[in-house]
Amino acid sequence: MKLYTALLLFQEQKLSIGKAAQLSGLCIYDFMMEAGKHNVAVINYDTQDLKQELEVLNEC
C-alpha cells in the first residue's frame, strides 16, 4: 500500500522522487524500477525544457 501511495503522490508531483522512495520504504533505484513497472514516468521534461537543453548541447 505504501508503494502505491508513494507512486500516486509522485506522479501527481506532490512528492519528490527521494521522498516518494522514502515513503515506499525503497531506495531510489528500486523505487524508479517499480515506477517503471507501473508506467509512472520518473523523468518529466516538458517539451520546451527538452528543446532548450538540446539547443545547448548542439552549441558544444
C-alpha atoms as a PDB file:
ATOM      1  CA  MET A   1       0.000   0.000   0.000  1.00  0.00           C
ATOM      2  CA  LYS A   2       2.890   2.356   0.793  1.00  0.00           C
ATOM      3  CA  LEU A   3       4.328   1.839  -2.679  1.00  0.00           C
ATOM      4  CA  TYR A   4       1.068   2.679  -4.443  1.00  0.00           C
ATOM      5  CA  THR A   5       0.545   5.761  -2.295  1.00  0.00           C
ATOM      6  CA  ALA A   6       4.098   6.920  -2.986  1.00  0.00           C
ATOM      7  CA  LEU A   7       3.691   6.306  -6.724  1.00  0.00           C
ATOM      8  CA  LEU A   8       0.449   8.268  -6.817  1.00  0.00           C
ATOM      9  CA  LEU A   9       1.850  11.216  -4.873  1.00  0.00           C
ATOM     10  CA  PHE A  10       4.999  11.212  -7.007  1.00  0.00           C
ATOM     11  CA  GLN A  11       3.001  11.042 -10.228  1.00  0.00           C
ATOM     12  CA  GLU A  12       0.877  13.980  -9.063  1.00  0.00           C
ATOM     13  CA  GLN A  13       4.139  15.854  -8.290  1.00  0.00           C
ATOM     14  CA  LYS A  14       3.241  16.158  -4.628  1.00  0.00           C
ATOM     15  CA  LEU A  15       6.401  14.297  -3.555  1.00  0.00           C
ATOM     16  CA  SER A  16       9.937  14.337  -4.911  1.00  0.00           C
ATOM     17  CA  ILE A  17      11.402  11.029  -6.024  1.00  0.00           C
ATOM     18  CA  GLY A  18      13.519  10.881  -2.878  1.00  0.00           C
ATOM     19  CA  LYS A  19      10.573  11.477  -0.554  1.00  0.00           C
ATOM     20  CA  ALA A  20       8.406   9.031  -2.504  1.00  0.00           C
ATOM     21  CA  ALA A  21      11.118   6.374  -2.278  1.00  0.00           C
ATOM     22  CA  GLN A  22      11.411   7.018   1.444  1.00  0.00           C
ATOM     23  CA  LEU A  23       7.632   6.746   1.920  1.00  0.00           C
ATOM     24  CA  SER A  24       7.567   3.471  -0.009  1.00  0.00           C
ATOM     25  CA  GLY A  25      10.411   2.040   2.068  1.00  0.00           C
ATOM     26  CA  LEU A  26      12.594   1.542  -1.018  1.00  0.00           C
ATOM     27  CA  CYS A  27      15.876   3.037  -2.157  1.00  0.00           C
ATOM     28  CA  ILE A  28      15.581   5.496  -5.043  1.00  0.00           C
ATOM     29  CA  TYR A  29      16.821   2.945  -7.598  1.00  0.00           C
ATOM     30  CA  ASP A  30      14.246   0.325  -6.542  1.00  0.00           C
ATOM     31  CA  PHE A  31      11.509   2.973  -6.466  1.00  0.00           C
ATOM     32  CA  MET A  32      12.426   4.004 -10.026  1.00  0.00           C
ATOM     33  CA  MET A  33      12.245   0.370 -11.131  1.00  0.00           C
ATOM     34  CA  GLU A  34       8.821  -0.048  -9.520  1.00  0.00           C
ATOM     35  CA  ALA A  35       7.642   3.213 -11.102  1.00  0.00           C
ATOM     36  CA  GLY A  36       8.637   1.844 -14.499  1.00  0.00           C
ATOM     37  CA  LYS A  37       6.720  -1.366 -13.862  1.00  0.00           C
ATOM     38  CA  HIS A  38       3.624   0.734 -13.135  1.00  0.00           C
ATOM     39  CA  ASN A  39       4.117   3.085 -16.121  1.00  0.00           C
ATOM     40  CA  VAL A  40       4.922   6.081 -13.916  1.00  0.00           C
ATOM     41  CA  ALA A  41       7.471   8.332 -15.605  1.00  0.00           C
ATOM     42  CA  VAL A  42      10.422   9.219 -13.399  1.00  0.00           C
ATOM     43  CA  ILE A  43      11.783  11.870 -15.749  1.00  0.00           C
ATOM     44  CA  ASN A  44       9.408  14.680 -16.528  1.00  0.00           C
ATOM     45  CA  TYR A  45      10.671  17.071 -19.168  1.00  0.00           C
ATOM     46  CA  ASP A  46       8.249  19.362 -20.795  1.00  0.00           C
ATOM     47  CA  THR A  47       8.800  19.948 -24.485  1.00  0.00           C
ATOM     48  CA  GLN A  48      10.220  23.448 -24.057  1.00  0.00           C
ATOM     49  CA  ASP A  49      12.814  22.345 -21.468  1.00  0.00           C
ATOM     50  CA  LEU A  50      13.965  19.495 -23.677  1.00  0.00           C
ATOM     51  CA  LYS A  51      14.202  21.791 -26.679  1.00  0.00           C
ATOM     52  CA  GLN A  52      16.360  24.264 -24.733  1.00  0.00           C
ATOM     53  CA  GLU A  53      18.693  21.553 -23.487  1.00  0.00           C
ATOM     54  CA  LEU A  54      19.101  20.138 -26.989  1.00  0.00           C
ATOM     55  CA  GLU A  55      19.968  23.610 -28.278  1.00  0.00           C
ATOM     56  CA  VAL A  56      22.657  23.962 -25.603  1.00  0.00           C
ATOM     57  CA  LEU A  57      24.070  20.548 -26.457  1.00  0.00           C
ATOM     58  CA  ASN A  58      24.156  21.411 -30.162  1.00  0.00           C
ATOM     59  CA  GLU A  59      26.237  24.505 -29.383  1.00  0.00           C
ATOM     60  CA  CYS A  60      29.036  22.400 -27.863  1.00  0.00           C
END
